[in-house]
Amino acid sequence: MRLLPLLSSALVLAMSGTSFAQEWTEFASRDDRFTVTFPGQPTITETTWKSQFSAILPARIYSGTQGSGRYSVTVVDYNPIERLLSERSRALPALDLAIHAYGLGYWKTDVRSAVVYAMSKYLERDAKITSVLSNFSDLVAGMVVQLTNNADQSGTFASIYMHANRLVIAEATVPRGYPPPTIFQQSIGWLDENGTKIRYQFMNYNEPDAPPTPIQGR
């Protein structure tokens, strides 16, 4: 499934010549367990993310630019979600529990729906969504979304995944008429808890109740 994107990446790389090697590198974050081909060293910003069920979660934004393009990887740590939503459900009066969808098990729904919820945030932008597709990167399941007609006529491409209880949003915005940022968008890879690059044997869906997915080729 990834053959054509890889061929496109190779073509862009050949056309870029030495400038690619000088400006683009494989960046790895052991803390957030991902790798990506990035324009230089990213700027890292600590922030927060509000989940579908209103849990406030820690997040980091890795951002940078190359020419007129803007690139970022946002990583949201969903590991505290069980504690946060369980504590809130225990504190709610019985009437609130009957009215609102906040119970001891709803943290699992928050995890399962994280990718779709992140994609839905793009519906709030003043732009036209032209494509929404399911996707995978090294067998980690996710979605891709494409927007055009931003206010400055640029186009936005985003890949969204859930891995190791971390929501990963890779977003690139390039000027109108530029080719898709294939090298960036298709370069997301995954690290284990020791910082070693991994690839799964079967599709990985980050299901809360599922056993760990087998890994191959560390």
N, C-alpha and C. Protein backbone atom coordinates (compact mmCIF):
# COMPACT_ATOMS: atom_id res chain seq x y z
N MET A 1 0.82 -1.21 0.00
CA MET A 1 0.00 0.00 0.00
C MET A 1 0.85 1.25 0.00
N ARG A 2 2.07 1.16 0.54
CA ARG A 2 2.91 2.36 0.64
C ARG A 2 3.88 2.48 -0.52
N LEU A 3 3.77 1.59 -1.56
CA LEU A 3 4.74 1.60 -2.64
C LEU A 3 4.72 2.90 -3.41
N LEU A 4 3.54 3.37 -3.81
CA LEU A 4 3.46 4.60 -4.59
C LEU A 4 3.95 5.82 -3.83
N PRO A 5 3.55 6.02 -2.55
CA PRO A 5 4.12 7.14 -1.80
C PRO A 5 5.63 7.09 -1.70
N LEU A 6 6.19 5.87 -1.57
CA LEU A 6 7.64 5.77 -1.48
C LEU A 6 8.29 6.14 -2.79
N LEU A 7 7.67 5.75 -3.91
CA LEU A 7 8.21 6.14 -5.20
C LEU A 7 8.14 7.64 -5.38
N SER A 8 7.04 8.25 -4.93
CA SER A 8 6.92 9.71 -5.02
C SER A 8 7.98 10.39 -4.18
N SER A 9 8.24 9.85 -3.00
CA SER A 9 9.27 10.43 -2.14
C SER A 9 10.63 10.36 -2.80
N ALA A 10 10.91 9.21 -3.44
CA ALA A 10 12.21 9.07 -4.10
C ALA A 10 12.36 10.07 -5.23
N LEU A 11 11.27 10.31 -5.96
CA LEU A 11 11.32 11.27 -7.05
C LEU A 11 11.59 12.68 -6.54
N VAL A 12 10.89 13.08 -5.47
CA VAL A 12 11.11 14.40 -4.89
C VAL A 12 12.53 14.53 -4.38
N LEU A 13 13.03 13.46 -3.78
CA LEU A 13 14.40 13.49 -3.25
C LEU A 13 15.40 13.69 -4.37
N ALA A 14 15.20 12.99 -5.49
CA ALA A 14 16.12 13.14 -6.60
C ALA A 14 16.09 14.54 -7.17
N MET A 15 14.92 15.14 -7.22
CA MET A 15 14.78 16.49 -7.75
C MET A 15 15.35 17.53 -6.80
N SER A 16 15.36 17.22 -5.51
CA SER A 16 15.82 18.20 -4.53
C SER A 16 17.34 18.32 -4.49
N GLY A 17 18.05 17.25 -4.89
CA GLY A 17 19.50 17.31 -4.91
C GLY A 17 20.09 17.44 -3.52
N THR A 18 21.20 18.14 -3.41
CA THR A 18 21.91 18.23 -2.14
C THR A 18 21.17 19.06 -1.12
N SER A 19 20.26 19.95 -1.55
CA SER A 19 19.56 20.80 -0.59
C SER A 19 18.75 19.97 0.39
N PHE A 20 18.22 18.81 -0.07
CA PHE A 20 17.46 17.97 0.83
C PHE A 20 18.35 17.43 1.94
N ALA A 21 19.52 16.92 1.55
CA ALA A 21 20.42 16.33 2.54
C ALA A 21 20.89 17.37 3.55
N GLN A 22 20.98 18.62 3.13
CA GLN A 22 21.46 19.67 4.02
C GLN A 22 20.36 20.14 4.97
N GLU A 23 19.10 20.10 4.54
CA GLU A 23 18.04 20.73 5.31
C GLU A 23 17.09 19.74 5.97
N TRP A 24 16.94 18.55 5.43
CA TRP A 24 15.99 17.59 5.97
C TRP A 24 16.74 16.44 6.64
N THR A 25 16.29 16.07 7.82
CA THR A 25 16.93 14.98 8.55
C THR A 25 15.85 14.13 9.20
N GLU A 26 16.23 12.91 9.58
CA GLU A 26 15.31 12.06 10.33
C GLU A 26 15.39 12.45 11.80
N PHE A 27 14.31 12.99 12.30
CA PHE A 27 14.23 13.40 13.70
C PHE A 27 13.55 12.30 14.50
N ALA A 28 14.06 12.03 15.69
CA ALA A 28 13.47 11.01 16.55
C ALA A 28 13.21 11.58 17.93
N SER A 29 12.04 11.28 18.49
CA SER A 29 11.70 11.67 19.85
C SER A 29 11.49 10.40 20.66
N ARG A 30 12.45 10.10 21.54
CA ARG A 30 12.30 8.92 22.39
C ARG A 30 11.17 9.12 23.39
N ASP A 31 10.99 10.35 23.87
CA ASP A 31 9.92 10.62 24.83
C ASP A 31 8.55 10.32 24.26
N ASP A 32 8.32 10.74 23.00
CA ASP A 32 7.02 10.56 22.38
C ASP A 32 6.97 9.40 21.39
N ARG A 33 8.09 8.67 21.26
CA ARG A 33 8.14 7.39 20.57
C ARG A 33 7.75 7.47 19.09
N PHE A 34 8.33 8.46 18.38
CA PHE A 34 8.09 8.56 16.94
C PHE A 34 9.35 9.07 16.24
N THR A 35 9.40 8.84 14.94
CA THR A 35 10.42 9.44 14.08
C THR A 35 9.72 10.08 12.90
N VAL A 36 10.37 11.08 12.29
CA VAL A 36 9.81 11.74 11.12
C VAL A 36 10.94 12.45 10.38
N THR A 37 10.82 12.55 9.07
CA THR A 37 11.75 13.35 8.28
C THR A 37 11.34 14.80 8.40
N PHE A 38 12.22 15.61 8.97
CA PHE A 38 11.85 16.97 9.37
C PHE A 38 12.86 17.97 8.82
N PRO A 39 12.43 19.21 8.51
CA PRO A 39 13.37 20.23 8.04
C PRO A 39 14.19 20.81 9.19
N GLY A 40 15.34 20.20 9.46
CA GLY A 40 16.20 20.66 10.55
C GLY A 40 15.68 20.22 11.89
N GLN A 41 16.21 20.84 12.95
CA GLN A 41 15.77 20.53 14.31
C GLN A 41 14.50 21.31 14.64
N PRO A 42 13.44 20.63 15.07
CA PRO A 42 12.19 21.34 15.33
C PRO A 42 12.24 22.15 16.62
N THR A 43 11.39 23.15 16.68
CA THR A 43 11.12 23.87 17.92
C THR A 43 10.06 23.09 18.69
N ILE A 44 10.30 22.85 19.98
CA ILE A 44 9.39 22.04 20.78
C ILE A 44 8.65 22.93 21.76
N THR A 45 7.33 22.86 21.72
CA THR A 45 6.47 23.68 22.58
C THR A 45 5.60 22.77 23.44
N GLU A 46 5.62 23.00 24.74
CA GLU A 46 4.75 22.26 25.65
C GLU A 46 3.36 22.92 25.65
N THR A 47 2.33 22.09 25.58
CA THR A 47 0.97 22.63 25.55
C THR A 47 0.02 21.60 26.15
N THR A 48 -1.28 21.78 25.96
CA THR A 48 -2.28 20.83 26.42
C THR A 48 -3.28 20.57 25.31
N TRP A 49 -4.05 19.51 25.46
CA TRP A 49 -5.06 19.10 24.49
C TRP A 49 -6.31 18.71 25.25
N LYS A 50 -7.45 19.19 24.79
CA LYS A 50 -8.73 18.83 25.40
C LYS A 50 -9.34 17.68 24.62
N SER A 51 -9.54 16.54 25.27
CA SER A 51 -10.03 15.35 24.58
C SER A 51 -11.53 15.46 24.32
N GLN A 52 -12.06 14.46 23.64
CA GLN A 52 -13.49 14.45 23.32
C GLN A 52 -14.35 14.53 24.57
N PHE A 53 -13.90 13.89 25.65
CA PHE A 53 -14.65 13.91 26.90
C PHE A 53 -14.08 14.92 27.89
N SER A 54 -13.41 15.94 27.33
CA SER A 54 -13.00 17.13 28.08
C SER A 54 -11.90 16.88 29.11
N ALA A 55 -11.11 15.84 28.93
CA ALA A 55 -9.93 15.67 29.78
C ALA A 55 -8.81 16.57 29.24
N ILE A 56 -8.09 17.23 30.12
CA ILE A 56 -6.98 18.09 29.73
C ILE A 56 -5.70 17.25 29.81
N LEU A 57 -5.09 17.03 28.64
CA LEU A 57 -3.96 16.12 28.53
C LEU A 57 -2.69 16.87 28.13
N PRO A 58 -1.52 16.41 28.59
CA PRO A 58 -0.26 17.05 28.19
C PRO A 58 0.05 16.77 26.73
N ALA A 59 0.64 17.76 26.07
CA ALA A 59 0.96 17.61 24.65
C ALA A 59 2.22 18.39 24.31
N ARG A 60 2.85 18.00 23.21
CA ARG A 60 4.01 18.73 22.68
C ARG A 60 3.79 18.99 21.20
N ILE A 61 4.27 20.15 20.74
CA ILE A 61 4.23 20.47 19.32
C ILE A 61 5.67 20.62 18.83
N TYR A 62 6.03 19.81 17.85
CA TYR A 62 7.33 19.89 17.19
C TYR A 62 7.11 20.64 15.88
N SER A 63 7.68 21.82 15.72
CA SER A 63 7.36 22.64 14.56
C SER A 63 8.62 23.17 13.87
N GLY A 64 8.47 23.47 12.58
CA GLY A 64 9.57 24.04 11.81
C GLY A 64 9.08 24.48 10.44
N THR A 65 9.95 25.10 9.68
CA THR A 65 9.62 25.59 8.35
C THR A 65 10.71 25.18 7.37
N GLN A 66 10.34 25.14 6.10
CA GLN A 66 11.30 24.92 5.03
C GLN A 66 10.77 25.68 3.82
N GLY A 67 11.49 26.74 3.42
CA GLY A 67 10.97 27.60 2.38
C GLY A 67 9.67 28.24 2.85
N SER A 68 8.62 28.10 2.05
CA SER A 68 7.31 28.65 2.42
C SER A 68 6.42 27.62 3.10
N GLY A 69 6.94 26.43 3.33
CA GLY A 69 6.15 25.38 3.96
C GLY A 69 6.26 25.41 5.47
N ARG A 70 5.18 25.02 6.14
CA ARG A 70 5.14 24.94 7.60
C ARG A 70 4.84 23.50 8.00
N TYR A 71 5.61 22.98 8.94
CA TYR A 71 5.52 21.57 9.31
C TYR A 71 5.43 21.45 10.83
N SER A 72 4.61 20.52 11.28
CA SER A 72 4.50 20.30 12.72
C SER A 72 4.06 18.87 13.00
N VAL A 73 4.49 18.37 14.16
CA VAL A 73 4.00 17.10 14.68
C VAL A 73 3.50 17.39 16.10
N THR A 74 2.22 17.19 16.32
CA THR A 74 1.63 17.36 17.65
C THR A 74 1.43 15.98 18.27
N VAL A 75 1.93 15.81 19.48
CA VAL A 75 1.81 14.53 20.18
C VAL A 75 1.07 14.77 21.50
N VAL A 76 -0.03 14.07 21.68
CA VAL A 76 -0.85 14.19 22.88
C VAL A 76 -0.73 12.89 23.67
N ASP A 77 -0.36 13.00 24.93
CA ASP A 77 -0.18 11.83 25.80
C ASP A 77 -1.52 11.44 26.42
N TYR A 78 -2.10 10.34 25.96
CA TYR A 78 -3.37 9.85 26.50
C TYR A 78 -3.19 8.89 27.67
N ASN A 79 -1.97 8.68 28.12
CA ASN A 79 -1.76 7.75 29.23
C ASN A 79 -2.47 8.16 30.52
N PRO A 80 -2.63 9.47 30.82
CA PRO A 80 -3.36 9.84 32.06
C PRO A 80 -4.88 9.73 31.96
N ILE A 81 -5.42 9.36 30.77
CA ILE A 81 -6.85 9.49 30.54
C ILE A 81 -7.68 8.61 31.47
N GLU A 82 -7.23 7.39 31.76
CA GLU A 82 -7.99 6.52 32.64
C GLU A 82 -8.13 7.13 34.03
N ARG A 83 -7.03 7.62 34.57
CA ARG A 83 -7.06 8.22 35.92
C ARG A 83 -7.93 9.46 35.93
N LEU A 84 -7.76 10.34 34.94
CA LEU A 84 -8.49 11.62 34.93
C LEU A 84 -10.01 11.41 34.83
N LEU A 85 -10.44 10.57 33.89
CA LEU A 85 -11.89 10.41 33.70
C LEU A 85 -12.50 9.54 34.78
N SER A 86 -11.73 8.59 35.33
CA SER A 86 -12.26 7.78 36.42
C SER A 86 -12.46 8.63 37.67
N GLU A 87 -11.48 9.49 37.97
CA GLU A 87 -11.62 10.38 39.13
C GLU A 87 -12.81 11.31 38.96
N ARG A 88 -13.02 11.82 37.76
CA ARG A 88 -14.15 12.72 37.54
C ARG A 88 -15.47 11.99 37.68
N SER A 89 -15.56 10.76 37.16
CA SER A 89 -16.82 10.03 37.23
C SER A 89 -17.20 9.72 38.67
N ARG A 90 -16.20 9.45 39.51
CA ARG A 90 -16.49 9.16 40.92
C ARG A 90 -16.96 10.41 41.67
N ALA A 91 -16.56 11.58 41.17
CA ALA A 91 -16.91 12.83 41.86
C ALA A 91 -18.25 13.39 41.42
N LEU A 92 -18.80 12.90 40.29
CA LEU A 92 -20.05 13.44 39.79
C LEU A 92 -21.24 12.92 40.58
N PRO A 93 -22.23 13.76 40.86
CA PRO A 93 -23.48 13.28 41.48
C PRO A 93 -24.17 12.27 40.58
N ALA A 94 -24.99 11.44 41.18
CA ALA A 94 -25.68 10.39 40.42
C ALA A 94 -26.51 10.96 39.28
N LEU A 95 -27.14 12.13 39.49
CA LEU A 95 -27.96 12.73 38.44
C LEU A 95 -27.11 13.10 37.23
N ASP A 96 -25.92 13.66 37.47
CA ASP A 96 -25.04 14.01 36.37
C ASP A 96 -24.59 12.77 35.60
N LEU A 97 -24.34 11.69 36.32
CA LEU A 97 -23.93 10.45 35.65
C LEU A 97 -25.06 9.92 34.76
N ALA A 98 -26.29 10.15 35.17
CA ALA A 98 -27.42 9.69 34.38
C ALA A 98 -27.63 10.54 33.12
N ILE A 99 -27.22 11.80 33.18
CA ILE A 99 -27.46 12.72 32.07
C ILE A 99 -26.28 12.75 31.11
N HIS A 100 -25.06 12.73 31.66
CA HIS A 100 -23.87 12.89 30.83
C HIS A 100 -23.16 11.54 30.62
N ALA A 101 -22.44 11.43 29.55
CA ALA A 101 -21.73 10.19 29.21
C ALA A 101 -20.39 10.13 29.91
N TYR A 102 -20.40 10.19 31.23
CA TYR A 102 -19.17 10.12 32.02
C TYR A 102 -19.31 8.96 33.00
N GLY A 103 -18.68 7.87 32.68
CA GLY A 103 -18.68 6.72 33.59
C GLY A 103 -17.29 6.16 33.69
N LEU A 104 -17.14 5.12 34.51
CA LEU A 104 -15.81 4.56 34.75
C LEU A 104 -15.16 3.99 33.49
N GLY A 105 -15.97 3.55 32.54
CA GLY A 105 -15.38 2.96 31.34
C GLY A 105 -15.23 3.90 30.16
N TYR A 106 -15.66 5.15 30.31
CA TYR A 106 -15.68 6.02 29.14
C TYR A 106 -14.31 6.52 28.71
N TRP A 107 -13.30 6.34 29.54
CA TRP A 107 -11.95 6.68 29.11
C TRP A 107 -11.54 5.83 27.91
N LYS A 108 -12.06 4.60 27.84
CA LYS A 108 -11.74 3.72 26.71
C LYS A 108 -12.32 4.28 25.41
N THR A 109 -13.52 4.82 25.49
CA THR A 109 -14.12 5.45 24.31
C THR A 109 -13.30 6.65 23.88
N ASP A 110 -12.79 7.41 24.84
CA ASP A 110 -11.96 8.57 24.51
C ASP A 110 -10.70 8.15 23.76
N VAL A 111 -10.10 7.04 24.18
CA VAL A 111 -8.91 6.53 23.49
C VAL A 111 -9.26 6.03 22.10
N ARG A 112 -10.32 5.24 22.00
CA ARG A 112 -10.70 4.65 20.72
C ARG A 112 -11.06 5.72 19.68
N SER A 113 -11.65 6.80 20.13
CA SER A 113 -12.13 7.82 19.18
C SER A 113 -11.15 8.96 18.98
N ALA A 114 -9.94 8.86 19.53
CA ALA A 114 -9.01 9.99 19.50
C ALA A 114 -8.66 10.42 18.08
N VAL A 115 -8.43 9.47 17.17
CA VAL A 115 -8.04 9.83 15.80
C VAL A 115 -9.18 10.52 15.09
N VAL A 116 -10.40 9.97 15.19
CA VAL A 116 -11.55 10.59 14.53
C VAL A 116 -11.84 11.95 15.13
N TYR A 117 -11.71 12.07 16.45
CA TYR A 117 -11.95 13.36 17.09
C TYR A 117 -10.93 14.40 16.61
N ALA A 118 -9.67 14.01 16.49
CA ALA A 118 -8.65 14.95 16.00
C ALA A 118 -8.94 15.36 14.56
N MET A 119 -9.38 14.42 13.74
CA MET A 119 -9.74 14.75 12.37
C MET A 119 -10.90 15.73 12.33
N SER A 120 -11.88 15.57 13.24
CA SER A 120 -13.05 16.44 13.25
C SER A 120 -12.69 17.89 13.54
N LYS A 121 -11.56 18.13 14.20
CA LYS A 121 -11.15 19.50 14.49
C LYS A 121 -10.86 20.28 13.21
N TYR A 122 -10.50 19.56 12.15
CA TYR A 122 -10.24 20.24 10.88
C TYR A 122 -11.53 20.76 10.24
N LEU A 123 -12.68 20.23 10.65
CA LEU A 123 -13.96 20.73 10.15
C LEU A 123 -14.21 22.15 10.63
N GLU A 124 -13.55 22.56 11.72
CA GLU A 124 -13.75 23.88 12.28
C GLU A 124 -12.94 24.96 11.57
N ARG A 125 -12.04 24.55 10.69
CA ARG A 125 -11.18 25.52 10.01
C ARG A 125 -11.91 26.17 8.83
N ASP A 126 -11.49 27.37 8.51
CA ASP A 126 -12.06 28.10 7.38
C ASP A 126 -11.34 27.65 6.11
N ALA A 127 -11.60 26.42 5.71
CA ALA A 127 -10.98 25.82 4.53
C ALA A 127 -11.88 24.70 4.04
N LYS A 128 -11.60 24.21 2.84
CA LYS A 128 -12.39 23.15 2.24
C LYS A 128 -11.67 21.82 2.38
N ILE A 129 -12.32 20.84 3.01
CA ILE A 129 -11.75 19.51 3.10
C ILE A 129 -12.02 18.78 1.78
N THR A 130 -10.96 18.36 1.12
CA THR A 130 -11.10 17.71 -0.18
C THR A 130 -10.89 16.21 -0.12
N SER A 131 -10.33 15.71 0.98
CA SER A 131 -10.09 14.28 1.07
C SER A 131 -9.95 13.84 2.52
N VAL A 132 -10.61 12.73 2.87
CA VAL A 132 -10.45 12.08 4.17
C VAL A 132 -10.37 10.58 3.90
N LEU A 133 -9.24 9.96 4.28
CA LEU A 133 -9.02 8.55 3.98
C LEU A 133 -8.45 7.84 5.20
N SER A 134 -8.75 6.55 5.32
CA SER A 134 -8.04 5.73 6.30
C SER A 134 -6.64 5.46 5.77
N ASN A 135 -5.70 5.21 6.67
CA ASN A 135 -4.31 5.07 6.27
C ASN A 135 -3.57 4.27 7.32
N PHE A 136 -2.35 3.89 7.05
CA PHE A 136 -1.49 3.31 8.07
C PHE A 136 -0.05 3.67 7.77
N SER A 137 0.75 3.74 8.81
CA SER A 137 2.18 3.99 8.68
C SER A 137 2.91 2.93 9.49
N ASP A 138 3.70 2.11 8.82
CA ASP A 138 4.34 0.96 9.46
C ASP A 138 3.34 0.15 10.27
N LEU A 139 2.15 -0.03 9.67
CA LEU A 139 1.05 -0.84 10.20
C LEU A 139 0.38 -0.25 11.44
N VAL A 140 0.63 0.99 11.76
CA VAL A 140 -0.15 1.70 12.77
C VAL A 140 -1.29 2.41 12.06
N ALA A 141 -2.52 2.10 12.46
CA ALA A 141 -3.70 2.61 11.76
C ALA A 141 -3.94 4.08 12.05
N GLY A 142 -4.48 4.78 11.05
CA GLY A 142 -4.78 6.19 11.25
C GLY A 142 -5.63 6.74 10.11
N MET A 143 -5.58 8.04 9.92
CA MET A 143 -6.34 8.72 8.89
C MET A 143 -5.49 9.82 8.28
N VAL A 144 -5.83 10.19 7.04
CA VAL A 144 -5.21 11.35 6.41
C VAL A 144 -6.32 12.29 5.95
N VAL A 145 -6.07 13.58 6.07
CA VAL A 145 -7.05 14.58 5.65
C VAL A 145 -6.33 15.67 4.86
N GLN A 146 -6.97 16.17 3.82
CA GLN A 146 -6.40 17.22 2.98
C GLN A 146 -7.37 18.38 2.89
N LEU A 147 -6.83 19.60 3.06
CA LEU A 147 -7.63 20.81 2.98
C LEU A 147 -7.03 21.74 1.93
N THR A 148 -7.89 22.44 1.20
CA THR A 148 -7.46 23.46 0.25
C THR A 148 -8.23 24.75 0.52
N ASN A 149 -7.81 25.78 -0.17
CA ASN A 149 -8.47 27.08 -0.05
C ASN A 149 -8.42 27.63 1.36
N ASN A 150 -7.25 27.49 2.02
CA ASN A 150 -7.05 28.23 3.25
C ASN A 150 -7.12 29.72 2.94
N ALA A 151 -7.15 30.54 3.95
CA ALA A 151 -7.27 31.99 3.75
C ALA A 151 -6.17 32.53 2.85
N ASP A 152 -4.96 31.95 2.94
CA ASP A 152 -3.85 32.41 2.10
C ASP A 152 -3.67 31.54 0.85
N GLN A 153 -4.69 30.74 0.51
CA GLN A 153 -4.69 29.87 -0.66
C GLN A 153 -3.70 28.71 -0.57
N SER A 154 -3.19 28.45 0.62
CA SER A 154 -2.29 27.31 0.80
C SER A 154 -3.10 26.02 0.96
N GLY A 155 -2.40 24.90 0.94
CA GLY A 155 -3.03 23.61 1.16
C GLY A 155 -2.46 22.94 2.40
N THR A 156 -3.29 22.23 3.14
CA THR A 156 -2.87 21.56 4.36
C THR A 156 -3.07 20.06 4.22
N PHE A 157 -2.06 19.30 4.64
CA PHE A 157 -2.09 17.85 4.60
C PHE A 157 -1.79 17.34 6.01
N ALA A 158 -2.63 16.48 6.54
CA ALA A 158 -2.43 15.98 7.90
C ALA A 158 -2.57 14.47 7.94
N SER A 159 -1.68 13.83 8.70
CA SER A 159 -1.75 12.40 8.98
C SER A 159 -1.94 12.24 10.49
N ILE A 160 -2.90 11.42 10.89
CA ILE A 160 -3.27 11.31 12.30
C ILE A 160 -3.23 9.84 12.72
N TYR A 161 -2.51 9.56 13.80
CA TYR A 161 -2.36 8.18 14.26
C TYR A 161 -2.48 8.13 15.78
N MET A 162 -2.71 6.92 16.29
CA MET A 162 -2.71 6.67 17.72
C MET A 162 -1.76 5.52 17.97
N HIS A 163 -0.68 5.78 18.73
CA HIS A 163 0.32 4.74 18.98
C HIS A 163 0.82 4.87 20.41
N ALA A 164 0.89 3.73 21.11
CA ALA A 164 1.39 3.71 22.50
C ALA A 164 0.65 4.73 23.36
N ASN A 165 -0.67 4.83 23.15
CA ASN A 165 -1.52 5.78 23.88
C ASN A 165 -1.10 7.22 23.66
N ARG A 166 -0.53 7.49 22.49
CA ARG A 166 -0.18 8.86 22.12
C ARG A 166 -0.81 9.20 20.78
N LEU A 167 -1.56 10.29 20.76
CA LEU A 167 -2.14 10.80 19.52
C LEU A 167 -1.07 11.59 18.78
N VAL A 168 -0.82 11.23 17.52
CA VAL A 168 0.24 11.87 16.73
C VAL A 168 -0.39 12.50 15.50
N ILE A 169 -0.24 13.82 15.37
CA ILE A 169 -0.81 14.57 14.25
C ILE A 169 0.33 15.23 13.49
N ALA A 170 0.64 14.72 12.30
CA ALA A 170 1.68 15.31 11.45
C ALA A 170 1.00 16.20 10.42
N GLU A 171 1.28 17.48 10.47
CA GLU A 171 0.59 18.45 9.60
C GLU A 171 1.59 19.28 8.81
N ALA A 172 1.32 19.42 7.52
CA ALA A 172 2.15 20.24 6.65
C ALA A 172 1.26 21.18 5.85
N THR A 173 1.65 22.43 5.75
CA THR A 173 0.93 23.43 4.96
C THR A 173 1.90 24.04 3.95
N VAL A 174 1.54 23.94 2.66
CA VAL A 174 2.41 24.41 1.59
C VAL A 174 1.64 25.38 0.71
N PRO A 175 2.36 26.29 0.04
CA PRO A 175 1.68 27.28 -0.81
C PRO A 175 0.91 26.63 -1.95
N ARG A 176 -0.03 27.38 -2.47
CA ARG A 176 -0.84 26.91 -3.60
C ARG A 176 0.06 26.58 -4.79
N GLY A 177 -0.20 25.44 -5.41
CA GLY A 177 0.57 25.02 -6.57
C GLY A 177 1.77 24.16 -6.24
N TYR A 178 2.14 24.07 -4.95
CA TYR A 178 3.26 23.22 -4.56
C TYR A 178 2.83 21.76 -4.56
N PRO A 179 3.75 20.82 -4.78
CA PRO A 179 3.40 19.40 -4.71
C PRO A 179 3.10 19.00 -3.27
N PRO A 180 2.36 17.93 -3.06
CA PRO A 180 2.08 17.46 -1.69
C PRO A 180 3.39 17.17 -0.95
N PRO A 181 3.42 17.42 0.35
CA PRO A 181 4.65 17.18 1.15
C PRO A 181 4.81 15.71 1.49
N THR A 182 4.99 14.88 0.46
CA THR A 182 4.98 13.43 0.62
C THR A 182 6.07 12.94 1.55
N ILE A 183 7.27 13.49 1.42
CA ILE A 183 8.40 13.01 2.22
C ILE A 183 8.10 13.16 3.71
N PHE A 184 7.53 14.30 4.08
CA PHE A 184 7.18 14.53 5.49
C PHE A 184 6.01 13.66 5.92
N GLN A 185 4.95 13.67 5.14
CA GLN A 185 3.70 13.05 5.55
C GLN A 185 3.82 11.53 5.66
N GLN A 186 4.62 10.91 4.79
CA GLN A 186 4.72 9.46 4.77
C GLN A 186 5.93 8.93 5.54
N SER A 187 6.61 9.79 6.29
CA SER A 187 7.84 9.36 6.95
C SER A 187 7.66 9.02 8.43
N ILE A 188 6.45 9.10 8.94
CA ILE A 188 6.24 8.81 10.36
C ILE A 188 6.60 7.36 10.66
N GLY A 189 7.45 7.18 11.67
CA GLY A 189 7.81 5.85 12.15
C GLY A 189 7.64 5.78 13.65
N TRP A 190 7.88 4.58 14.23
CA TRP A 190 7.54 4.36 15.63
C TRP A 190 8.73 3.79 16.39
N LEU A 191 8.81 4.16 17.65
CA LEU A 191 9.87 3.70 18.54
C LEU A 191 9.26 2.93 19.71
N ASP A 192 10.01 1.95 20.22
CA ASP A 192 9.55 1.28 21.42
C ASP A 192 9.99 2.05 22.66
N GLU A 193 9.76 1.48 23.84
CA GLU A 193 10.07 2.19 25.08
C GLU A 193 11.56 2.44 25.27
N ASN A 194 12.40 1.72 24.50
CA ASN A 194 13.85 1.91 24.59
C ASN A 194 14.40 2.83 23.51
N GLY A 195 13.50 3.38 22.66
CA GLY A 195 13.94 4.27 21.60
C GLY A 195 14.38 3.54 20.34
N THR A 196 14.06 2.24 20.21
CA THR A 196 14.43 1.46 19.05
C THR A 196 13.30 1.49 18.03
N LYS A 197 13.65 1.69 16.75
CA LYS A 197 12.63 1.76 15.70
C LYS A 197 12.00 0.38 15.51
N ILE A 198 10.68 0.37 15.33
CA ILE A 198 9.94 -0.89 15.25
C ILE A 198 8.98 -0.89 14.07
N ARG A 199 8.56 -2.10 13.69
CA ARG A 199 7.49 -2.27 12.71
C ARG A 199 6.66 -3.45 13.17
N TYR A 200 5.35 -3.30 13.12
CA TYR A 200 4.46 -4.34 13.63
C TYR A 200 4.22 -5.42 12.57
N GLN A 201 3.92 -6.63 13.05
CA GLN A 201 3.60 -7.75 12.15
C GLN A 201 2.16 -7.66 11.66
N PHE A 202 1.28 -7.10 12.50
CA PHE A 202 -0.13 -6.96 12.15
C PHE A 202 -0.56 -5.52 12.43
N MET A 203 -1.72 -5.16 11.90
CA MET A 203 -2.22 -3.80 12.09
C MET A 203 -2.35 -3.48 13.57
N ASN A 204 -1.92 -2.29 13.95
CA ASN A 204 -1.96 -1.83 15.33
C ASN A 204 -3.02 -0.74 15.45
N TYR A 205 -4.04 -0.99 16.30
CA TYR A 205 -5.16 -0.05 16.45
C TYR A 205 -5.19 0.63 17.81
N ASN A 206 -4.22 0.42 18.65
CA ASN A 206 -4.18 1.04 19.98
C ASN A 206 -5.48 0.82 20.74
N GLU A 207 -5.97 -0.41 20.72
CA GLU A 207 -7.20 -0.77 21.40
C GLU A 207 -6.93 -0.94 22.90
N PRO A 208 -7.67 -0.26 23.79
CA PRO A 208 -7.38 -0.33 25.23
C PRO A 208 -7.40 -1.73 25.81
N ASP A 209 -8.30 -2.61 25.32
CA ASP A 209 -8.45 -3.94 25.91
C ASP A 209 -7.69 -5.03 25.16
N ALA A 210 -6.98 -4.68 24.08
CA ALA A 210 -6.32 -5.68 23.26
C ALA A 210 -4.92 -5.99 23.80
N PRO A 211 -4.44 -7.23 23.62
CA PRO A 211 -3.05 -7.55 24.00
C PRO A 211 -2.09 -6.81 23.09
N PRO A 212 -0.82 -6.69 23.48
CA PRO A 212 0.15 -6.00 22.65
C PRO A 212 0.28 -6.64 21.28
N THR A 213 0.44 -5.80 20.23
CA THR A 213 0.60 -6.28 18.87
C THR A 213 2.03 -6.79 18.67
N PRO A 214 2.20 -7.98 18.05
CA PRO A 214 3.55 -8.47 17.81
C PRO A 214 4.38 -7.51 16.97
N ILE A 215 5.68 -7.49 17.24
CA ILE A 215 6.61 -6.58 16.57
C ILE A 215 7.63 -7.40 15.81
N GLN A 216 8.07 -6.87 14.67
CA GLN A 216 9.13 -7.52 13.91
C GLN A 216 10.18 -6.49 13.54
N GLY A 217 11.36 -6.97 13.20
CA GLY A 217 12.39 -6.14 12.59
C GLY A 217 12.77 -4.92 13.39
N ARG A 218 13.23 -5.08 14.62
CA ARG A 218 13.67 -3.94 15.41
C ARG A 218 14.92 -3.34 14.79
